[in-house]
Amino acid sequence: MENGAVKPVIVAIDGPSGTGKSSTSKAVATQLGLSYLDTGAQYRAITWWMVNNGIDLTDPTAIAAVAGKPEIVSGTDPAHPTITVDGVDVAGPIRTEEVTSKVSAVSAVPEVRTRISELQRSLAHGTETGIVVEGRDIGTTVLPDADLKIFLTASAEARAARRSGELKGADVNATREALIKRDAADSTRKTSPLAKADDAVEVDTTALTLAQVIECVVTLVEEKRAGK
């Protein structure tokens, strides 16, 4: 390695919905000149493909049988993250309620996780400057050797308020129930559950502004890069 060359840093940011994961991850990647990967979008993309192709999502065997079919390509520019399935831009369609309500069922299928995890690893290890990877099982399963692992948390109330703010006019109570239900599904699934890695730094974002969370994570990454 030449003098002054910066070793690529792999940062894993995990946590449940509504903790500020995406906004934080994108901003940190932008500030530090890193690539960015939203792994949730990949699970949404494969779910969207299955919904569109009429796969029976109550049947894990049917889901497993086609897990390798769709070609999913993720762009890793934090300023403009893109995602396509078989060449089609799905950045909008994967955020619909129909996909959101089905993504836990699809992503619980081991064959789906294996396929998407392999995709995530190849993207993470292929970056020159480093990458911020956000998800639910990055520090524990996908990139257990990540240089820095961060687990964002927040109270269910705070998360519901943020999420319903994003969902414009959504009922906070309904959003809170949906979040709790999805957390439960993701935390108890057999394959790669939502969990905090033993060596992760936990950041409770309940009482913090987004700017404070970003500043905290940027500091952690810079310390890691400086070898502290």
C-alpha atoms as a PDB file:
ATOM      1  CA  MET A   1       0.000   0.000   0.000  1.00  0.00           C
ATOM      2  CA  GLU A   2       1.400   3.413  -0.957  1.00  0.00           C
ATOM      3  CA  ASN A   3       1.991   6.037   1.699  1.00  0.00           C
ATOM      4  CA  GLY A   4      -1.098   8.073   2.304  1.00  0.00           C
ATOM      5  CA  ALA A   5      -3.394   5.525   0.671  1.00  0.00           C
ATOM      6  CA  VAL A   6      -6.482   4.991   2.764  1.00  0.00           C
ATOM      7  CA  LYS A   7      -7.491   1.406   3.403  1.00  0.00           C
ATOM      8  CA  PRO A   8     -11.083   0.825   2.282  1.00  0.00           C
ATOM      9  CA  VAL A   9     -13.326   0.884   5.332  1.00  0.00           C
ATOM     10  CA  ILE A  10     -16.438  -1.294   5.533  1.00  0.00           C
ATOM     11  CA  VAL A  11     -19.105   0.109   7.845  1.00  0.00           C
ATOM     12  CA  ALA A  12     -22.162  -1.980   8.794  1.00  0.00           C
ATOM     13  CA  ILE A  13     -25.190  -0.079  10.082  1.00  0.00           C
ATOM     14  CA  ASP A  14     -28.016  -2.252  11.381  1.00  0.00           C
ATOM     15  CA  GLY A  15     -31.226  -1.629  13.267  1.00  0.00           C
ATOM     16  CA  PRO A  16     -34.997  -1.724  12.944  1.00  0.00           C
ATOM     17  CA  SER A  17     -37.115   0.598  10.741  1.00  0.00           C
ATOM     18  CA  GLY A  18     -37.472   4.227  11.706  1.00  0.00           C
ATOM     19  CA  THR A  19     -34.150   4.603  13.519  1.00  0.00           C
ATOM     20  CA  GLY A  20     -32.771   6.870  10.803  1.00  0.00           C
ATOM     21  CA  LYS A  21     -30.642   4.153   9.181  1.00  0.00           C
ATOM     22  CA  SER A  22     -31.043   5.239   5.550  1.00  0.00           C
ATOM     23  CA  SER A  23     -30.687   8.986   6.095  1.00  0.00           C
ATOM     24  CA  THR A  24     -27.700   8.437   8.385  1.00  0.00           C
ATOM     25  CA  SER A  25     -25.985   5.896   6.123  1.00  0.00           C
ATOM     26  CA  LYS A  26     -26.355   8.035   2.985  1.00  0.00           C
ATOM     27  CA  ALA A  27     -25.132  11.190   4.721  1.00  0.00           C
ATOM     28  CA  VAL A  28     -22.139   9.444   6.315  1.00  0.00           C
ATOM     29  CA  ALA A  29     -21.145   7.867   2.980  1.00  0.00           C
ATOM     30  CA  THR A  30     -21.470  11.241   1.224  1.00  0.00           C
ATOM     31  CA  GLN A  31     -19.407  13.098   3.844  1.00  0.00           C
ATOM     32  CA  LEU A  32     -16.631  10.503   3.867  1.00  0.00           C
ATOM     33  CA  GLY A  33     -16.574   9.735   0.138  1.00  0.00           C
ATOM     34  CA  LEU A  34     -17.718   6.137   0.578  1.00  0.00           C
ATOM     35  CA  SER A  35     -20.070   3.976  -1.458  1.00  0.00           C
ATOM     36  CA  TYR A  36     -23.506   3.188  -0.006  1.00  0.00           C
ATOM     37  CA  LEU A  37     -25.692   0.105  -0.114  1.00  0.00           C
ATOM     38  CA  ASP A  38     -29.290  -0.149   1.059  1.00  0.00           C
ATOM     39  CA  THR A  39     -29.718  -3.892   1.544  1.00  0.00           C
ATOM     40  CA  GLY A  40     -33.398  -3.512   2.394  1.00  0.00           C
ATOM     41  CA  ALA A  41     -33.983  -2.230  -1.139  1.00  0.00           C
ATOM     42  CA  GLN A  42     -32.558  -5.496  -2.493  1.00  0.00           C
ATOM     43  CA  TYR A  43     -35.026  -7.541  -0.439  1.00  0.00           C
ATOM     44  CA  ARG A  44     -37.794  -5.224  -1.567  1.00  0.00           C
ATOM     45  CA  ALA A  45     -36.668  -5.679  -5.182  1.00  0.00           C
ATOM     46  CA  ILE A  46     -36.818  -9.466  -5.063  1.00  0.00           C
ATOM     47  CA  THR A  47     -40.206  -9.210  -3.307  1.00  0.00           C
ATOM     48  CA  TRP A  48     -41.479  -6.832  -6.021  1.00  0.00           C
ATOM     49  CA  TRP A  49     -40.352  -9.292  -8.694  1.00  0.00           C
ATOM     50  CA  MET A  50     -42.183 -12.161  -6.989  1.00  0.00           C
ATOM     51  CA  VAL A  51     -45.386 -10.137  -6.568  1.00  0.00           C
ATOM     52  CA  ASN A  52     -45.196  -9.161 -10.259  1.00  0.00           C
ATOM     53  CA  ASN A  53     -44.629 -12.732 -11.342  1.00  0.00           C
ATOM     54  CA  GLY A  54     -47.516 -14.148  -9.333  1.00  0.00           C
ATOM     55  CA  ILE A  55     -45.375 -16.281  -7.009  1.00  0.00           C
ATOM     56  CA  ASP A  56     -47.369 -17.690  -4.073  1.00  0.00           C
ATOM     57  CA  LEU A  57     -45.779 -15.811  -1.173  1.00  0.00           C
ATOM     58  CA  THR A  58     -47.411 -18.047   1.416  1.00  0.00           C
ATOM     59  CA  ASP A  59     -45.286 -20.925   0.080  1.00  0.00           C
ATOM     60  CA  PRO A  60     -41.580 -20.761   1.036  1.00  0.00           C
ATOM     61  CA  THR A  61     -40.810 -23.602  -1.402  1.00  0.00           C
ATOM     62  CA  ALA A  62     -42.238 -21.601  -4.298  1.00  0.00           C
ATOM     63  CA  ILE A  63     -40.222 -18.548  -3.214  1.00  0.00           C
ATOM     64  CA  ALA A  64     -37.029 -20.596  -2.856  1.00  0.00           C
ATOM     65  CA  ALA A  65     -37.462 -22.147  -6.310  1.00  0.00           C
ATOM     66  CA  VAL A  66     -37.257 -18.763  -8.074  1.00  0.00           C
ATOM     67  CA  ALA A  67     -34.870 -16.909  -5.737  1.00  0.00           C
ATOM     68  CA  GLY A  68     -32.084 -17.038  -8.343  1.00  0.00           C
ATOM     69  CA  LYS A  69     -34.148 -15.761 -11.280  1.00  0.00           C
ATOM     70  CA  PRO A  70     -34.353 -11.959 -11.051  1.00  0.00           C
ATOM     71  CA  GLU A  71     -31.200 -10.001 -11.880  1.00  0.00           C
ATOM     72  CA  ILE A  72     -30.826  -7.318  -9.202  1.00  0.00           C
ATOM     73  CA  VAL A  73     -28.343  -4.496  -9.731  1.00  0.00           C
ATOM     74  CA  SER A  74     -27.651  -1.888  -7.032  1.00  0.00           C
ATOM     75  CA  GLY A  75     -25.969   1.424  -7.741  1.00  0.00           C
ATOM     76  CA  THR A  76     -23.842   2.498  -4.776  1.00  0.00           C
ATOM     77  CA  ASP A  77     -23.618   6.287  -5.220  1.00  0.00           C
ATOM     78  CA  PRO A  78     -24.999   7.721  -1.940  1.00  0.00           C
ATOM     79  CA  ALA A  79     -26.240  10.844  -3.740  1.00  0.00           C
ATOM     80  CA  HIS A  80     -28.240   8.757  -6.185  1.00  0.00           C
ATOM     81  CA  PRO A  81     -28.632   5.109  -5.097  1.00  0.00           C
ATOM     82  CA  THR A  82     -30.295   3.125  -7.880  1.00  0.00           C
ATOM     83  CA  ILE A  83     -31.814  -0.338  -8.076  1.00  0.00           C
ATOM     84  CA  THR A  84     -32.942  -2.284 -11.100  1.00  0.00           C
ATOM     85  CA  VAL A  85     -34.507  -5.711 -11.567  1.00  0.00           C
ATOM     86  CA  ASP A  86     -33.900  -7.299 -14.988  1.00  0.00           C
ATOM     87  CA  GLY A  87     -32.959  -3.842 -16.254  1.00  0.00           C
ATOM     88  CA  VAL A  88     -36.118  -2.130 -14.951  1.00  0.00           C
ATOM     89  CA  ASP A  89     -35.782   0.812 -12.538  1.00  0.00           C
ATOM     90  CA  VAL A  90     -37.741  -0.231  -9.433  1.00  0.00           C
ATOM     91  CA  ALA A  91     -36.687   2.492  -6.964  1.00  0.00           C
ATOM     92  CA  GLY A  92     -40.306   3.744  -6.793  1.00  0.00           C
ATOM     93  CA  PRO A  93     -42.344   0.525  -7.056  1.00  0.00           C
ATOM     94  CA  ILE A  94     -40.444  -1.257  -4.247  1.00  0.00           C
ATOM     95  CA  ARG A  95     -41.646   1.325  -1.701  1.00  0.00           C
ATOM     96  CA  THR A  96     -45.350   0.542  -2.131  1.00  0.00           C
ATOM     97  CA  GLU A  97     -47.427  -0.801   0.755  1.00  0.00           C
ATOM     98  CA  GLU A  98     -47.966  -4.052  -1.176  1.00  0.00           C
ATOM     99  CA  VAL A  99     -44.226  -4.751  -1.246  1.00  0.00           C
ATOM    100  CA  THR A 100     -43.641  -3.467   2.310  1.00  0.00           C
ATOM    101  CA  SER A 101     -46.274  -5.822   3.712  1.00  0.00           C
ATOM    102  CA  LYS A 102     -44.732  -8.865   2.011  1.00  0.00           C
ATOM    103  CA  VAL A 103     -40.997  -8.265   2.331  1.00  0.00           C
ATOM    104  CA  SER A 104     -40.642 -10.007   5.728  1.00  0.00           C
ATOM    105  CA  ALA A 105     -42.172 -13.234   4.356  1.00  0.00           C
ATOM    106  CA  VAL A 106     -39.894 -13.276   1.322  1.00  0.00           C
ATOM    107  CA  SER A 107     -36.734 -12.292   3.184  1.00  0.00           C
ATOM    108  CA  ALA A 108     -37.268 -15.025   5.789  1.00  0.00           C
ATOM    109  CA  VAL A 109     -36.661 -17.714   3.124  1.00  0.00           C
ATOM    110  CA  PRO A 110     -33.070 -19.025   3.482  1.00  0.00           C
ATOM    111  CA  GLU A 111     -32.492 -19.310  -0.283  1.00  0.00           C
ATOM    112  CA  VAL A 112     -33.447 -15.655  -0.714  1.00  0.00           C
ATOM    113  CA  ARG A 113     -31.087 -14.553   2.070  1.00  0.00           C
ATOM    114  CA  THR A 114     -28.222 -16.615   0.662  1.00  0.00           C
ATOM    115  CA  ARG A 115     -28.715 -15.111  -2.781  1.00  0.00           C
ATOM    116  CA  ILE A 116     -28.989 -11.510  -1.576  1.00  0.00           C
ATOM    117  CA  SER A 117     -26.186 -11.867   1.000  1.00  0.00           C
ATOM    118  CA  GLU A 118     -23.801 -13.057  -1.742  1.00  0.00           C
ATOM    119  CA  LEU A 119     -24.766 -10.014  -3.804  1.00  0.00           C
ATOM    120  CA  GLN A 120     -24.120  -7.751  -0.810  1.00  0.00           C
ATOM    121  CA  ARG A 121     -20.723  -9.285  -0.051  1.00  0.00           C
ATOM    122  CA  SER A 122     -19.506  -8.939  -3.631  1.00  0.00           C
ATOM    123  CA  LEU A 123     -20.556  -5.261  -3.676  1.00  0.00           C
ATOM    124  CA  ALA A 124     -18.992  -4.530  -0.283  1.00  0.00           C
ATOM    125  CA  HIS A 125     -15.665  -6.182  -1.057  1.00  0.00           C
ATOM    126  CA  GLY A 126     -15.502  -4.666  -4.532  1.00  0.00           C
ATOM    127  CA  THR A 127     -15.351  -1.023  -3.478  1.00  0.00           C
ATOM    128  CA  GLU A 128     -12.103   0.917  -3.711  1.00  0.00           C
ATOM    129  CA  THR A 129     -12.726   3.560  -1.066  1.00  0.00           C
ATOM    130  CA  GLY A 130     -15.003   1.606   1.233  1.00  0.00           C
ATOM    131  CA  ILE A 131     -18.734   1.411   1.783  1.00  0.00           C
ATOM    132  CA  VAL A 132     -21.522   1.996   4.266  1.00  0.00           C
ATOM    133  CA  VAL A 133     -23.878  -0.983   4.209  1.00  0.00           C
ATOM    134  CA  GLU A 134     -27.199  -0.613   5.991  1.00  0.00           C
ATOM    135  CA  GLY A 135     -29.577  -3.392   6.891  1.00  0.00           C
ATOM    136  CA  ARG A 136     -30.681  -5.740   9.629  1.00  0.00           C
ATOM    137  CA  ASP A 137     -28.088  -8.532   9.656  1.00  0.00           C
ATOM    138  CA  ILE A 138     -25.012  -6.918   8.118  1.00  0.00           C
ATOM    139  CA  GLY A 139     -22.779  -6.953  11.202  1.00  0.00           C
ATOM    140  CA  THR A 140     -23.874 -10.418  12.270  1.00  0.00           C
ATOM    141  CA  THR A 141     -24.270 -12.418   9.049  1.00  0.00           C
ATOM    142  CA  VAL A 142     -23.420 -10.584   5.844  1.00  0.00           C
ATOM    143  CA  LEU A 143     -20.183  -8.812   6.826  1.00  0.00           C
ATOM    144  CA  PRO A 144     -19.142 -10.149  10.238  1.00  0.00           C
ATOM    145  CA  ASP A 145     -15.621  -8.890   9.443  1.00  0.00           C
ATOM    146  CA  ALA A 146     -16.778  -5.282   8.865  1.00  0.00           C
ATOM    147  CA  ASP A 147     -14.295  -2.694  10.160  1.00  0.00           C
ATOM    148  CA  LEU A 148     -16.992  -0.897  12.123  1.00  0.00           C
ATOM    149  CA  LYS A 149     -20.431  -2.105  13.194  1.00  0.00           C
ATOM    150  CA  ILE A 150     -23.113   0.269  14.385  1.00  0.00           C
ATOM    151  CA  PHE A 151     -26.540  -0.700  15.715  1.00  0.00           C
ATOM    152  CA  LEU A 152     -29.089   2.120  15.709  1.00  0.00           C
ATOM    153  CA  THR A 153     -32.017   1.917  18.106  1.00  0.00           C
ATOM    154  CA  ALA A 154     -34.900   4.192  19.108  1.00  0.00           C
ATOM    155  CA  SER A 155     -38.144   3.855  21.036  1.00  0.00           C
ATOM    156  CA  ALA A 156     -41.118   2.456  19.110  1.00  0.00           C
ATOM    157  CA  GLU A 157     -42.893   5.799  19.576  1.00  0.00           C
ATOM    158  CA  ALA A 158     -40.044   7.803  18.083  1.00  0.00           C
ATOM    159  CA  ARG A 159     -39.690   5.385  15.183  1.00  0.00           C
ATOM    160  CA  ALA A 160     -43.415   5.454  14.411  1.00  0.00           C
ATOM    161  CA  ALA A 161     -43.477   9.249  14.483  1.00  0.00           C
ATOM    162  CA  ARG A 162     -40.558   9.424  12.037  1.00  0.00           C
ATOM    163  CA  ARG A 163     -41.942   6.770   9.755  1.00  0.00           C
ATOM    164  CA  SER A 164     -45.432   8.283   9.638  1.00  0.00           C
ATOM    165  CA  GLY A 165     -43.782  11.625   8.892  1.00  0.00           C
ATOM    166  CA  GLU A 166     -42.121   9.948   5.912  1.00  0.00           C
ATOM    167  CA  LEU A 167     -45.392   8.309   4.918  1.00  0.00           C
ATOM    168  CA  LYS A 168     -47.195  11.673   4.873  1.00  0.00           C
ATOM    169  CA  GLY A 169     -50.341  11.591   6.945  1.00  0.00           C
ATOM    170  CA  ALA A 170     -50.059   7.970   8.023  1.00  0.00           C
ATOM    171  CA  ASP A 171     -51.694   7.117  11.332  1.00  0.00           C
ATOM    172  CA  VAL A 172     -48.926   7.031  13.960  1.00  0.00           C
ATOM    173  CA  ASN A 173     -50.568   4.232  15.951  1.00  0.00           C
ATOM    174  CA  ALA A 174     -51.093   2.065  12.888  1.00  0.00           C
ATOM    175  CA  THR A 175     -47.503   2.733  11.840  1.00  0.00           C
ATOM    176  CA  ARG A 176     -46.247   1.814  15.317  1.00  0.00           C
ATOM    177  CA  GLU A 177     -48.189  -1.475  15.266  1.00  0.00           C
ATOM    178  CA  ALA A 178     -46.808  -2.278  11.792  1.00  0.00           C
ATOM    179  CA  LEU A 179     -43.237  -1.500  12.897  1.00  0.00           C
ATOM    180  CA  ILE A 180     -43.509  -3.644  16.012  1.00  0.00           C
ATOM    181  CA  LYS A 181     -44.977  -6.502  13.983  1.00  0.00           C
ATOM    182  CA  ARG A 182     -42.217  -6.286  11.390  1.00  0.00           C
ATOM    183  CA  ASP A 183     -39.500  -6.068  14.059  1.00  0.00           C
ATOM    184  CA  ALA A 184     -40.918  -9.175  15.709  1.00  0.00           C
ATOM    185  CA  ALA A 185     -40.974 -11.049  12.395  1.00  0.00           C
ATOM    186  CA  ASP A 186     -37.424  -9.981  11.554  1.00  0.00           C
ATOM    187  CA  SER A 187     -36.019 -10.586  15.051  1.00  0.00           C
ATOM    188  CA  THR A 188     -37.459 -14.071  15.421  1.00  0.00           C
ATOM    189  CA  ARG A 189     -36.875 -15.497  11.939  1.00  0.00           C
ATOM    190  CA  LYS A 190     -34.571 -18.502  11.904  1.00  0.00           C
ATOM    191  CA  THR A 191     -32.275 -17.243   9.158  1.00  0.00           C
ATOM    192  CA  SER A 192     -30.147 -14.179   9.919  1.00  0.00           C
ATOM    193  CA  PRO A 193     -32.481 -12.424  12.342  1.00  0.00           C
ATOM    194  CA  LEU A 194     -32.343  -8.708  13.065  1.00  0.00           C
ATOM    195  CA  ALA A 195     -29.776  -8.675  15.874  1.00  0.00           C
ATOM    196  CA  LYS A 196     -26.994  -6.578  17.325  1.00  0.00           C
ATOM    197  CA  ALA A 197     -23.500  -7.955  16.805  1.00  0.00           C
ATOM    198  CA  ASP A 198     -21.476  -8.439  19.999  1.00  0.00           C
ATOM    199  CA  ASP A 199     -18.857  -5.962  18.799  1.00  0.00           C
ATOM    200  CA  ALA A 200     -21.303  -3.345  17.496  1.00  0.00           C
ATOM    201  CA  VAL A 201     -21.513   0.183  18.890  1.00  0.00           C
ATOM    202  CA  GLU A 202     -25.113   0.875  19.894  1.00  0.00           C
ATOM    203  CA  VAL A 203     -26.431   4.380  19.198  1.00  0.00           C
ATOM    204  CA  ASP A 204     -29.839   5.229  20.664  1.00  0.00           C
ATOM    205  CA  THR A 205     -31.299   7.853  18.343  1.00  0.00           C
ATOM    206  CA  THR A 206     -34.522   8.498  20.310  1.00  0.00           C
ATOM    207  CA  ALA A 207     -33.452  11.871  21.684  1.00  0.00           C
ATOM    208  CA  LEU A 208     -31.005  12.819  18.909  1.00  0.00           C
ATOM    209  CA  THR A 209     -31.559  14.902  15.796  1.00  0.00           C
ATOM    210  CA  LEU A 210     -30.545  13.369  12.484  1.00  0.00           C
ATOM    211  CA  ALA A 211     -27.563  15.760  12.321  1.00  0.00           C
ATOM    212  CA  GLN A 212     -26.378  14.525  15.737  1.00  0.00           C
ATOM    213  CA  VAL A 213     -26.661  10.875  14.696  1.00  0.00           C
ATOM    214  CA  ILE A 214     -24.713  11.574  11.499  1.00  0.00           C
ATOM    215  CA  GLU A 215     -22.007  13.443  13.418  1.00  0.00           C
ATOM    216  CA  CYS A 216     -21.715  10.592  15.915  1.00  0.00           C
ATOM    217  CA  VAL A 217     -21.323   7.945  13.185  1.00  0.00           C
ATOM    218  CA  VAL A 218     -18.892  10.057  11.122  1.00  0.00           C
ATOM    219  CA  THR A 219     -16.724  10.431  14.249  1.00  0.00           C
ATOM    220  CA  LEU A 220     -16.786   6.668  14.859  1.00  0.00           C
ATOM    221  CA  VAL A 221     -15.736   5.971  11.247  1.00  0.00           C
ATOM    222  CA  GLU A 222     -12.968   8.580  11.344  1.00  0.00           C
ATOM    223  CA  GLU A 223     -11.617   7.115  14.593  1.00  0.00           C
ATOM    224  CA  LYS A 224     -11.666   3.652  13.045  1.00  0.00           C
ATOM    225  CA  ARG A 225      -9.820   4.930   9.969  1.00  0.00           C
ATOM    226  CA  ALA A 226      -7.222   6.626  12.188  1.00  0.00           C
ATOM    227  CA  GLY A 227      -6.640   3.284  13.866  1.00  0.00           C
ATOM    228  CA  LYS A 228      -7.942   4.284  17.309  1.00  0.00           C
END
